[in-house]
Amino acid sequence: MTSFVGPPADATRNKPITNELRNVLDAAATAAGVDTVRITSGGQDALGHGTRRTGSTRHDLGRAADVQCLVNGQALTFTDAAASPGILRFVTAAAAAGATGIGAGVGYMGNRTIHVGFGTSVDDHTRLTWGAGGRSATAPQWLRDAAQDGWDSGGIVPPGPAAAAVHPGRYAVIARDGLKLRGGPGTNFDSDRTLPAGTELSVVAISNVDPAWVRVDVEGDGLLDGYVFAAFLAELEAAPA
């Protein structure tokens, strides 16, 4: 079970977050194997209805939070060039669970804090990532890719690390908007092909780098085509003998 700490009482944004956001963060933490979510900045007074506030309206009424992901008491970190598998899974799962605004970057809030929330108002459902300066153009590529994978999933939140691992065999893609085929086991690897929902493929091997990713043969010719995120695959029943 995920533990939540914060926001600090002396923070400007020290009000509670909404249950909707808490559920998003809980799902993301479970998927990433994160045991504690530290909220460094939580909710704030709505614009025009209080003075304890700062910055944009995203944090108004607890609809966004700046968080750190802790495993065994240590916060997971990232750079602008790359992020650990835990951070990548956290972002993908948060997006799949409904987060529409996700920001991170060393020049934004340092190397361990991530903004997760919704739009600038209850009517804003724009999906957006950003980095330094709060600009989309500065969002790290790994953040853009991890969030997009979650948004493409059709709301399917990846299971946690303790879930049963995928094994070699025949599977079908169950991501509603398709599943990216990547050159390596992670969203930091390029993708020039998206496998449509329903595509059948063979899982050949589990990645040693991150078991959440598997190496696949899409064409059925015994050759390896790349890696996909295993959570968006469903095993096919074997044909009767």
Foldseek 3Di string as FASTA:
>chain_A
DAAEAAQDPPALQGDAADPLLVVLQVLLCQALVFRYKYFPHFAHDAVPGDDSDDDAQQRHPGQKTKIFTHDPRDTFWAALQGGASSVLLSLLLSLLSQWQEKEEHCQCPHTTIMMTGADSDPPDHHRAYYYHPRDRVSGRQQNVQSNVNNNQQNSQRFGHPVPDFDDWDKKWFQRQNFWFFFAAFGSSGDGPDTGHGGQMWTFDAADPRDSQKTWIDRVPPPDTDGITRNSRIDHDDDDDD
